[in-house]
Amino acid sequence: MKKINTLIAFGICLALGFAFIPPKEIKLFNGKDLKGWVIYGTEKWYVEDGLLISESGPDKDYGYLGTKKNYKNFELNLEFKQEADGNSGVFIRSTVDGVKVSGWQVEVAPPGHHTGGIYESYGRGWLIQPEEEKDKALKFGDWNKMKIIVEGDRVISYLNGVEMVDFSDPKIGEGEGGILLQIHDGGGIKVYWRNITLKPL
């Protein structure tokens, strides 16, 4: 459907004599600092050697790093590497009050804990989990590529090229907010992030 819409737009532009310019990819993390992001909570978020690092702090509480801008329909690509516990997540169309988040998380977790599944915080909990055999796509302790497509009420997640879930939900379709990275509570968590890019749809 997305390709069809793009072709239709291209045809209309040609008919009207306009140049068709596809949506520009946005680099959300510049590899230097946290420009464009907001820290929520007291956990650690910092940049080192071109990598975005999230790490549990002394409070061992939830922590979030959120985009200053809201994004509705998009394709998000990023890479992550887990160290220690590695329990984290990527939130879509979400907002934060203190360290209480409202929205939907695409799970980033250790093996056997449903990476790529969709969880609704402070709401319905797990909405969908990947099939058990897909957990083999996770490379714990190494770099992983995650792609998240959000369009209307539909969310599709990919891990290292493997489709993890394809889920539609009216409540997600109504959601408004930014993109957030998470540090889970409990302490002992460290996750590295890089190449975080977004293409509006």
C-alpha atoms as a PDB file:
ATOM      1  CA  MET A   1       0.000   0.000   0.000  1.00  0.00           C
ATOM      2  CA  LYS A   2       2.835   2.395   0.876  1.00  0.00           C
ATOM      3  CA  LYS A   3       4.518   1.795  -2.509  1.00  0.00           C
ATOM      4  CA  ILE A   4       1.203   2.318  -4.307  1.00  0.00           C
ATOM      5  CA  ASN A   5       0.640   5.632  -2.492  1.00  0.00           C
ATOM      6  CA  THR A   6       4.157   6.755  -3.419  1.00  0.00           C
ATOM      7  CA  LEU A   7       3.585   5.872  -7.083  1.00  0.00           C
ATOM      8  CA  ILE A   8       0.264   7.733  -7.096  1.00  0.00           C
ATOM      9  CA  ALA A   9       1.925  10.813  -5.596  1.00  0.00           C
ATOM     10  CA  PHE A  10       4.711  10.547  -8.180  1.00  0.00           C
ATOM     11  CA  GLY A  11       2.159  10.363 -11.007  1.00  0.00           C
ATOM     12  CA  ILE A  12       0.202  13.363  -9.732  1.00  0.00           C
ATOM     13  CA  CYS A  13       3.383  15.419  -9.455  1.00  0.00           C
ATOM     14  CA  LEU A  14       4.383  14.505 -13.015  1.00  0.00           C
ATOM     15  CA  ALA A  15       0.927  15.432 -14.304  1.00  0.00           C
ATOM     16  CA  LEU A  16       1.082  18.804 -12.576  1.00  0.00           C
ATOM     17  CA  GLY A  17       4.662  19.446 -13.621  1.00  0.00           C
ATOM     18  CA  PHE A  18       6.095  19.284 -10.095  1.00  0.00           C
ATOM     19  CA  ALA A  19       9.256  17.516  -9.028  1.00  0.00           C
ATOM     20  CA  PHE A  20       8.521  14.622  -6.674  1.00  0.00           C
ATOM     21  CA  ILE A  21      10.738  14.638  -3.596  1.00  0.00           C
ATOM     22  CA  PRO A  22      10.419  11.565  -1.360  1.00  0.00           C
ATOM     23  CA  PRO A  23      10.315  12.086   2.433  1.00  0.00           C
ATOM     24  CA  LYS A  24      13.739  12.916   3.791  1.00  0.00           C
ATOM     25  CA  GLU A  25      15.336  10.642   6.349  1.00  0.00           C
ATOM     26  CA  ILE A  26      15.909  12.353   9.702  1.00  0.00           C
ATOM     27  CA  LYS A  27      18.946  11.532  11.819  1.00  0.00           C
ATOM     28  CA  LEU A  28      17.575  11.546  15.377  1.00  0.00           C
ATOM     29  CA  PHE A  29      20.967  10.937  17.036  1.00  0.00           C
ATOM     30  CA  ASN A  30      23.908  12.985  15.772  1.00  0.00           C
ATOM     31  CA  GLY A  31      26.645  10.867  17.384  1.00  0.00           C
ATOM     32  CA  LYS A  32      27.970  13.851  19.358  1.00  0.00           C
ATOM     33  CA  ASP A  33      25.463  14.889  22.008  1.00  0.00           C
ATOM     34  CA  LEU A  34      21.805  14.621  23.068  1.00  0.00           C
ATOM     35  CA  LYS A  35      20.558  17.524  20.963  1.00  0.00           C
ATOM     36  CA  GLY A  36      16.873  17.014  20.130  1.00  0.00           C
ATOM     37  CA  TRP A  37      16.294  14.723  23.133  1.00  0.00           C
ATOM     38  CA  VAL A  38      15.011  15.154  26.703  1.00  0.00           C
ATOM     39  CA  ILE A  39      16.085  13.039  29.706  1.00  0.00           C
ATOM     40  CA  TYR A  40      13.321  11.862  32.044  1.00  0.00           C
ATOM     41  CA  GLY A  41      14.352  10.545  35.451  1.00  0.00           C
ATOM     42  CA  THR A  42      17.738  10.190  37.117  1.00  0.00           C
ATOM     43  CA  GLU A  43      19.207   7.270  35.166  1.00  0.00           C
ATOM     44  CA  LYS A  44      22.240   7.836  32.934  1.00  0.00           C
ATOM     45  CA  TRP A  45      22.157   8.871  29.281  1.00  0.00           C
ATOM     46  CA  TYR A  46      25.405   9.983  27.645  1.00  0.00           C
ATOM     47  CA  VAL A  47      27.434   9.914  24.427  1.00  0.00           C
ATOM     48  CA  GLU A  48      30.815   8.179  24.199  1.00  0.00           C
ATOM     49  CA  ASP A  49      32.838   7.283  21.088  1.00  0.00           C
ATOM     50  CA  GLY A  50      29.901   8.179  18.859  1.00  0.00           C
ATOM     51  CA  LEU A  51      27.501   5.883  20.719  1.00  0.00           C
ATOM     52  CA  LEU A  52      24.429   6.738  22.771  1.00  0.00           C
ATOM     53  CA  ILE A  53      24.691   4.868  26.070  1.00  0.00           C
ATOM     54  CA  SER A  54      21.889   4.197  28.549  1.00  0.00           C
ATOM     55  CA  GLU A  55      22.885   2.937  31.978  1.00  0.00           C
ATOM     56  CA  SER A  56      21.211   2.388  35.325  1.00  0.00           C
ATOM     57  CA  GLY A  57      21.958   5.031  37.940  1.00  0.00           C
ATOM     58  CA  PRO A  58      22.025   4.853  41.745  1.00  0.00           C
ATOM     59  CA  ASP A  59      18.226   5.186  42.005  1.00  0.00           C
ATOM     60  CA  LYS A  60      17.713   2.009  39.910  1.00  0.00           C
ATOM     61  CA  ASP A  61      14.452   3.491  38.653  1.00  0.00           C
ATOM     62  CA  TYR A  62      12.839   3.753  35.241  1.00  0.00           C
ATOM     63  CA  GLY A  63      14.483   6.261  32.918  1.00  0.00           C
ATOM     64  CA  TYR A  64      13.618   7.593  29.482  1.00  0.00           C
ATOM     65  CA  LEU A  65      15.227   9.584  26.709  1.00  0.00           C
ATOM     66  CA  GLY A  66      12.589  11.147  24.498  1.00  0.00           C
ATOM     67  CA  THR A  67      12.534  13.145  21.284  1.00  0.00           C
ATOM     68  CA  LYS A  68      11.511  16.774  21.665  1.00  0.00           C
ATOM     69  CA  LYS A  69       9.297  16.396  18.613  1.00  0.00           C
ATOM     70  CA  ASN A  70       6.266  14.162  18.165  1.00  0.00           C
ATOM     71  CA  TYR A  71       6.118  11.673  15.304  1.00  0.00           C
ATOM     72  CA  LYS A  72       2.933  10.037  14.007  1.00  0.00           C
ATOM     73  CA  ASN A  73       3.615   7.888  10.934  1.00  0.00           C
ATOM     74  CA  PHE A  74       7.177   6.801  10.261  1.00  0.00           C
ATOM     75  CA  GLU A  75       9.780   4.152   9.635  1.00  0.00           C
ATOM     76  CA  LEU A  76      12.310   4.096  12.465  1.00  0.00           C
ATOM     77  CA  ASN A  77      15.651   2.329  12.112  1.00  0.00           C
ATOM     78  CA  LEU A  78      18.224   1.906  14.856  1.00  0.00           C
ATOM     79  CA  GLU A  79      20.897  -0.415  16.203  1.00  0.00           C
ATOM     80  CA  PHE A  80      21.293  -1.555  19.805  1.00  0.00           C
ATOM     81  CA  LYS A  81      23.722  -3.682  21.783  1.00  0.00           C
ATOM     82  CA  GLN A  82      22.859  -5.038  25.216  1.00  0.00           C
ATOM     83  CA  GLU A  83      25.277  -5.397  28.101  1.00  0.00           C
ATOM     84  CA  ALA A  84      24.463  -6.816  31.536  1.00  0.00           C
ATOM     85  CA  ASP A  85      20.668  -7.198  31.882  1.00  0.00           C
ATOM     86  CA  GLY A  86      19.860  -5.216  28.742  1.00  0.00           C
ATOM     87  CA  ASN A  87      16.149  -4.726  29.488  1.00  0.00           C
ATOM     88  CA  SER A  88      14.994  -1.685  27.546  1.00  0.00           C
ATOM     89  CA  GLY A  89      12.540  -0.650  24.853  1.00  0.00           C
ATOM     90  CA  VAL A  90      11.600   1.785  22.100  1.00  0.00           C
ATOM     91  CA  PHE A  91       8.362   3.694  22.714  1.00  0.00           C
ATOM     92  CA  ILE A  92       6.188   5.130  19.940  1.00  0.00           C
ATOM     93  CA  ARG A  93       3.594   7.947  20.124  1.00  0.00           C
ATOM     94  CA  SER A  94       4.330   8.214  23.838  1.00  0.00           C
ATOM     95  CA  THR A  95       4.458  10.883  26.553  1.00  0.00           C
ATOM     96  CA  VAL A  96       6.148  10.991  29.973  1.00  0.00           C
ATOM     97  CA  ASP A  97       5.112  12.499  33.294  1.00  0.00           C
ATOM     98  CA  GLY A  98       8.046  12.199  35.702  1.00  0.00           C
ATOM     99  CA  VAL A  99       9.031   8.613  34.925  1.00  0.00           C
ATOM    100  CA  LYS A 100       5.499   7.385  34.200  1.00  0.00           C
ATOM    101  CA  VAL A 101       5.096   6.773  30.488  1.00  0.00           C
ATOM    102  CA  SER A 102       1.872   6.631  28.492  1.00  0.00           C
ATOM    103  CA  GLY A 103       2.169   4.811  25.197  1.00  0.00           C
ATOM    104  CA  TRP A 104       3.435   1.692  23.488  1.00  0.00           C
ATOM    105  CA  GLN A 105       6.762  -0.037  23.743  1.00  0.00           C
ATOM    106  CA  VAL A 106       8.500  -2.210  21.189  1.00  0.00           C
ATOM    107  CA  GLU A 107      10.394  -4.470  23.561  1.00  0.00           C
ATOM    108  CA  VAL A 108      14.199  -4.679  23.744  1.00  0.00           C
ATOM    109  CA  ALA A 109      15.092  -7.397  26.235  1.00  0.00           C
ATOM    110  CA  PRO A 110      17.430 -10.325  27.005  1.00  0.00           C
ATOM    111  CA  PRO A 111      16.836 -13.671  25.253  1.00  0.00           C
ATOM    112  CA  GLY A 112      13.488 -15.260  26.030  1.00  0.00           C
ATOM    113  CA  HIS A 113      11.787 -11.974  26.938  1.00  0.00           C
ATOM    114  CA  HIS A 114       9.940 -11.076  23.722  1.00  0.00           C
ATOM    115  CA  THR A 115      12.160  -8.546  21.956  1.00  0.00           C
ATOM    116  CA  GLY A 116      10.106  -6.991  19.151  1.00  0.00           C
ATOM    117  CA  GLY A 117       6.780  -7.483  20.933  1.00  0.00           C
ATOM    118  CA  ILE A 118       4.443  -4.598  21.776  1.00  0.00           C
ATOM    119  CA  TYR A 119       3.628  -3.658  25.370  1.00  0.00           C
ATOM    120  CA  GLU A 120       1.235  -0.952  26.577  1.00  0.00           C
ATOM    121  CA  SER A 121       2.600   0.621  29.756  1.00  0.00           C
ATOM    122  CA  TYR A 122       0.174   1.448  32.574  1.00  0.00           C
ATOM    123  CA  GLY A 123      -2.625  -0.005  30.470  1.00  0.00           C
ATOM    124  CA  ARG A 124      -3.345  -3.352  28.862  1.00  0.00           C
ATOM    125  CA  GLY A 125       0.159  -4.782  29.221  1.00  0.00           C
ATOM    126  CA  TRP A 126       1.294  -7.149  26.485  1.00  0.00           C
ATOM    127  CA  LEU A 127      -0.647  -6.612  23.259  1.00  0.00           C
ATOM    128  CA  ILE A 128       1.353  -9.076  21.177  1.00  0.00           C
ATOM    129  CA  GLN A 129       4.500 -11.162  21.602  1.00  0.00           C
ATOM    130  CA  PRO A 130       6.614 -12.626  18.789  1.00  0.00           C
ATOM    131  CA  GLU A 131       6.444 -16.338  18.100  1.00  0.00           C
ATOM    132  CA  GLU A 132       8.897 -18.156  20.350  1.00  0.00           C
ATOM    133  CA  GLU A 133      11.199 -19.351  17.560  1.00  0.00           C
ATOM    134  CA  LYS A 134      11.760 -15.767  16.374  1.00  0.00           C
ATOM    135  CA  ASP A 135      13.722 -15.053  19.549  1.00  0.00           C
ATOM    136  CA  LYS A 136      16.714 -16.626  17.779  1.00  0.00           C
ATOM    137  CA  ALA A 137      16.994 -13.436  15.718  1.00  0.00           C
ATOM    138  CA  LEU A 138      18.353 -11.595  18.794  1.00  0.00           C
ATOM    139  CA  LYS A 139      22.149 -11.359  19.048  1.00  0.00           C
ATOM    140  CA  PHE A 140      22.651 -10.706  22.751  1.00  0.00           C
ATOM    141  CA  GLY A 141      25.905  -8.878  23.481  1.00  0.00           C
ATOM    142  CA  ASP A 142      26.308  -7.892  19.817  1.00  0.00           C
ATOM    143  CA  TRP A 143      24.810  -5.218  17.585  1.00  0.00           C
ATOM    144  CA  ASN A 144      21.208  -5.724  16.466  1.00  0.00           C
ATOM    145  CA  LYS A 145      19.247  -3.854  13.806  1.00  0.00           C
ATOM    146  CA  MET A 146      15.664  -2.937  14.631  1.00  0.00           C
ATOM    147  CA  LYS A 147      13.122  -1.447  12.245  1.00  0.00           C
ATOM    148  CA  ILE A 148       9.720  -0.186  13.395  1.00  0.00           C
ATOM    149  CA  ILE A 149       7.052   0.911  10.926  1.00  0.00           C
ATOM    150  CA  VAL A 150       4.150   2.893  12.387  1.00  0.00           C
ATOM    151  CA  GLU A 151       1.350   3.920  10.059  1.00  0.00           C
ATOM    152  CA  GLY A 152      -2.220   4.620  11.147  1.00  0.00           C
ATOM    153  CA  ASP A 153      -3.213   1.946  13.652  1.00  0.00           C
ATOM    154  CA  ARG A 154      -0.607  -0.562  12.436  1.00  0.00           C
ATOM    155  CA  VAL A 155       2.833  -1.338  13.903  1.00  0.00           C
ATOM    156  CA  ILE A 156       5.333  -3.743  12.325  1.00  0.00           C
ATOM    157  CA  SER A 157       8.620  -4.577  14.046  1.00  0.00           C
ATOM    158  CA  TYR A 158      11.690  -6.221  12.532  1.00  0.00           C
ATOM    159  CA  LEU A 159      14.805  -7.555  14.266  1.00  0.00           C
ATOM    160  CA  ASN A 160      17.861  -8.240  12.113  1.00  0.00           C
ATOM    161  CA  GLY A 161      15.644  -8.555   9.066  1.00  0.00           C
ATOM    162  CA  VAL A 162      13.121 -10.904  10.719  1.00  0.00           C
ATOM    163  CA  GLU A 163       9.534  -9.657  11.028  1.00  0.00           C
ATOM    164  CA  MET A 164       8.719 -10.021  14.717  1.00  0.00           C
ATOM    165  CA  VAL A 165       5.115  -8.754  14.889  1.00  0.00           C
ATOM    166  CA  ASP A 166       2.517  -7.098  12.664  1.00  0.00           C
ATOM    167  CA  PHE A 167      -0.198  -5.616  14.849  1.00  0.00           C
ATOM    168  CA  SER A 168      -3.121  -3.236  14.368  1.00  0.00           C
ATOM    169  CA  ASP A 169      -4.989  -1.515  17.189  1.00  0.00           C
ATOM    170  CA  PRO A 170      -7.433   1.449  17.178  1.00  0.00           C
ATOM    171  CA  LYS A 171      -5.989   2.876  20.403  1.00  0.00           C
ATOM    172  CA  ILE A 172      -2.503   3.016  18.907  1.00  0.00           C
ATOM    173  CA  GLY A 173      -4.024   4.716  15.864  1.00  0.00           C
ATOM    174  CA  GLU A 174      -5.291   7.515  18.093  1.00  0.00           C
ATOM    175  CA  GLY A 175      -1.962   7.930  19.903  1.00  0.00           C
ATOM    176  CA  GLU A 176       0.077  11.132  19.871  1.00  0.00           C
ATOM    177  CA  GLY A 177       3.597  11.633  21.190  1.00  0.00           C
ATOM    178  CA  GLY A 178       7.290  11.179  20.676  1.00  0.00           C
ATOM    179  CA  ILE A 179       9.807   8.381  20.442  1.00  0.00           C
ATOM    180  CA  LEU A 180      11.374   7.258  23.712  1.00  0.00           C
ATOM    181  CA  LEU A 181      14.204   4.934  24.664  1.00  0.00           C
ATOM    182  CA  GLN A 182      13.889   3.228  28.047  1.00  0.00           C
ATOM    183  CA  ILE A 183      16.007   2.057  30.947  1.00  0.00           C
ATOM    184  CA  HIS A 184      14.051  -0.528  32.923  1.00  0.00           C
ATOM    185  CA  ASP A 185      14.021  -0.294  36.706  1.00  0.00           C
ATOM    186  CA  GLY A 186      15.940  -2.683  38.962  1.00  0.00           C
ATOM    187  CA  GLY A 187      19.495  -1.581  38.178  1.00  0.00           C
ATOM    188  CA  GLY A 188      22.322  -3.359  36.383  1.00  0.00           C
ATOM    189  CA  ILE A 189      21.186  -2.326  32.886  1.00  0.00           C
ATOM    190  CA  LYS A 190      23.399  -1.013  30.109  1.00  0.00           C
ATOM    191  CA  VAL A 191      22.395  -0.655  26.456  1.00  0.00           C
ATOM    192  CA  TYR A 192      24.273   0.995  23.581  1.00  0.00           C
ATOM    193  CA  TRP A 193      22.465   2.693  20.672  1.00  0.00           C
ATOM    194  CA  ARG A 194      23.575   4.040  17.297  1.00  0.00           C
ATOM    195  CA  ASN A 195      22.369   4.978  13.788  1.00  0.00           C
ATOM    196  CA  ILE A 196      18.923   6.156  14.940  1.00  0.00           C
ATOM    197  CA  THR A 197      17.095   7.445  11.870  1.00  0.00           C
ATOM    198  CA  LEU A 198      13.480   8.195  11.031  1.00  0.00           C
ATOM    199  CA  LYS A 199      11.676   8.535   7.706  1.00  0.00           C
ATOM    200  CA  PRO A 200       8.229  10.175   7.862  1.00  0.00           C
ATOM    201  CA  LEU A 201       5.455   8.304   6.049  1.00  0.00           C
END
